[in-house]
């Protein structure tokens, strides 16, 4: 069966986020006041697997090995069957 996978990657609390800081400063220059800006990376792909649980385990392994740095990043995995 084929599944759609979505991985949302964000920095862990307390990690410096220069991209978010730059966005806040640029918005302030445009007279918009925002706080606690966070950036998020979303990776989407299709994957074959026997079950949703097996696919989730494979995607988790992908995250651990390549897609993110678990030391400084959190990630959330979403799996849905393709229609």
C-alpha atoms as a PDB file:
ATOM      1  CA  UNK A   1       0.000   0.000   0.000  1.00  0.00           C
ATOM      2  CA  UNK A   2       1.126   3.550  -0.667  1.00  0.00           C
ATOM      3  CA  UNK A   3       1.176   6.268   2.031  1.00  0.00           C
ATOM      4  CA  UNK A   4       1.713  10.020   2.117  1.00  0.00           C
ATOM      5  CA  UNK A   5       4.274  11.014   4.723  1.00  0.00           C
ATOM      6  CA  UNK A   6       4.749  14.481   6.172  1.00  0.00           C
ATOM      7  CA  UNK A   7       7.613  15.353   8.507  1.00  0.00           C
ATOM      8  CA  UNK A   8       7.558  18.682  10.374  1.00  0.00           C
ATOM      9  CA  UNK A   9      10.976  19.675  11.718  1.00  0.00           C
ATOM     10  CA  UNK A  10      11.579  22.496  14.199  1.00  0.00           C
ATOM     11  CA  UNK A  11      14.366  23.572  16.511  1.00  0.00           C
ATOM     12  CA  UNK A  12      14.170  22.462  20.123  1.00  0.00           C
ATOM     13  CA  UNK A  13      13.335  25.060  22.742  1.00  0.00           C
ATOM     14  CA  UNK A  14      16.368  27.101  23.708  1.00  0.00           C
ATOM     15  CA  UNK A  15      18.186  26.655  20.397  1.00  0.00           C
ATOM     16  CA  UNK A  16      19.213  29.819  18.567  1.00  0.00           C
ATOM     17  CA  UNK A  17      17.123  30.439  15.460  1.00  0.00           C
ATOM     18  CA  UNK A  18      18.838  33.102  13.327  1.00  0.00           C
ATOM     19  CA  UNK A  19      16.265  32.749  10.557  1.00  0.00           C
ATOM     20  CA  UNK A  20      13.384  33.558  12.926  1.00  0.00           C
ATOM     21  CA  UNK A  21      15.337  36.467  14.428  1.00  0.00           C
ATOM     22  CA  UNK A  22      15.921  37.917  10.966  1.00  0.00           C
ATOM     23  CA  UNK A  23      12.217  37.606  10.137  1.00  0.00           C
ATOM     24  CA  UNK A  24      11.237  39.389  13.370  1.00  0.00           C
ATOM     25  CA  UNK A  25      13.690  42.234  12.680  1.00  0.00           C
ATOM     26  CA  UNK A  26      12.520  42.627   9.080  1.00  0.00           C
ATOM     27  CA  UNK A  27       8.876  42.713  10.151  1.00  0.00           C
ATOM     28  CA  UNK A  28       9.702  45.307  12.822  1.00  0.00           C
ATOM     29  CA  UNK A  29      11.240  47.504  10.111  1.00  0.00           C
ATOM     30  CA  UNK A  30       7.931  47.239   8.262  1.00  0.00           C
ATOM     31  CA  UNK A  31       6.136  48.346  11.471  1.00  0.00           C
ATOM     32  CA  UNK A  32       4.778  44.894  12.370  1.00  0.00           C
ATOM     33  CA  UNK A  33       5.354  43.787  15.937  1.00  0.00           C
ATOM     34  CA  UNK A  34       5.673  40.024  16.313  1.00  0.00           C
ATOM     35  CA  UNK A  35       7.210  37.876  19.039  1.00  0.00           C
ATOM     36  CA  UNK A  36       8.285  34.288  19.508  1.00  0.00           C
ATOM     37  CA  UNK A  37       8.741  33.653  15.801  1.00  0.00           C
ATOM     38  CA  UNK A  38       9.570  30.063  14.935  1.00  0.00           C
ATOM     39  CA  UNK A  39      10.517  28.497  11.652  1.00  0.00           C
ATOM     40  CA  UNK A  40       9.360  25.090  10.540  1.00  0.00           C
ATOM     41  CA  UNK A  41      10.578  22.815   7.767  1.00  0.00           C
ATOM     42  CA  UNK A  42       8.025  20.483   6.191  1.00  0.00           C
ATOM     43  CA  UNK A  43       9.081  17.507   4.074  1.00  0.00           C
ATOM     44  CA  UNK A  44       6.413  15.549   2.165  1.00  0.00           C
ATOM     45  CA  UNK A  45       6.823  12.348   0.181  1.00  0.00           C
ATOM     46  CA  UNK A  46       5.068   9.098  -0.790  1.00  0.00           C
ATOM     47  CA  UNK A  47       6.272   5.739   0.461  1.00  0.00           C
ATOM     48  CA  UNK A  48       5.294   2.093  -0.005  1.00  0.00           C
ATOM     49  CA  UNK A  49       4.696  -0.121   3.009  1.00  0.00           C
ATOM     50  CA  UNK A  50       2.747  -3.059   4.357  1.00  0.00           C
ATOM     51  CA  UNK A  51       1.068  -1.065   7.131  1.00  0.00           C
ATOM     52  CA  UNK A  52       0.900   2.429   8.594  1.00  0.00           C
ATOM     53  CA  UNK A  53       2.918   1.313  11.633  1.00  0.00           C
ATOM     54  CA  UNK A  54       5.739  -0.087   9.495  1.00  0.00           C
ATOM     55  CA  UNK A  55       5.808   3.061   7.355  1.00  0.00           C
ATOM     56  CA  UNK A  56       5.884   5.253  10.494  1.00  0.00           C
ATOM     57  CA  UNK A  57       8.874   3.257  11.809  1.00  0.00           C
ATOM     58  CA  UNK A  58      10.698   3.655   8.483  1.00  0.00           C
ATOM     59  CA  UNK A  59      10.037   7.407   8.369  1.00  0.00           C
ATOM     60  CA  UNK A  60      11.194   7.732  11.992  1.00  0.00           C
ATOM     61  CA  UNK A  61      14.424   5.963  11.017  1.00  0.00           C
ATOM     62  CA  UNK A  62      14.817   8.358   8.068  1.00  0.00           C
ATOM     63  CA  UNK A  63      14.456  11.282  10.474  1.00  0.00           C
ATOM     64  CA  UNK A  64      17.010   9.861  12.888  1.00  0.00           C
ATOM     65  CA  UNK A  65      19.546   9.067  10.156  1.00  0.00           C
ATOM     66  CA  UNK A  66      19.169  11.882   7.629  1.00  0.00           C
ATOM     67  CA  UNK A  67      16.221  14.269   7.673  1.00  0.00           C
ATOM     68  CA  UNK A  68      16.933  16.009  10.967  1.00  0.00           C
ATOM     69  CA  UNK A  69      19.416  16.378  13.780  1.00  0.00           C
ATOM     70  CA  UNK A  70      17.674  14.903  16.861  1.00  0.00           C
ATOM     71  CA  UNK A  71      20.176  16.655  19.144  1.00  0.00           C
ATOM     72  CA  UNK A  72      18.875  20.139  18.249  1.00  0.00           C
ATOM     73  CA  UNK A  73      15.618  19.463  16.382  1.00  0.00           C
ATOM     74  CA  UNK A  74      12.194  18.023  17.135  1.00  0.00           C
ATOM     75  CA  UNK A  75      10.118  16.336  14.488  1.00  0.00           C
ATOM     76  CA  UNK A  76       6.535  15.204  14.026  1.00  0.00           C
ATOM     77  CA  UNK A  77       5.514  12.492  11.587  1.00  0.00           C
ATOM     78  CA  UNK A  78       2.150  12.343   9.833  1.00  0.00           C
ATOM     79  CA  UNK A  79       1.180   9.252   7.821  1.00  0.00           C
ATOM     80  CA  UNK A  80      -1.996   8.968   5.739  1.00  0.00           C
ATOM     81  CA  UNK A  81      -3.006   6.318   3.200  1.00  0.00           C
ATOM     82  CA  UNK A  82      -2.952   7.538  -0.408  1.00  0.00           C
ATOM     83  CA  UNK A  83      -6.339   7.497  -2.079  1.00  0.00           C
END
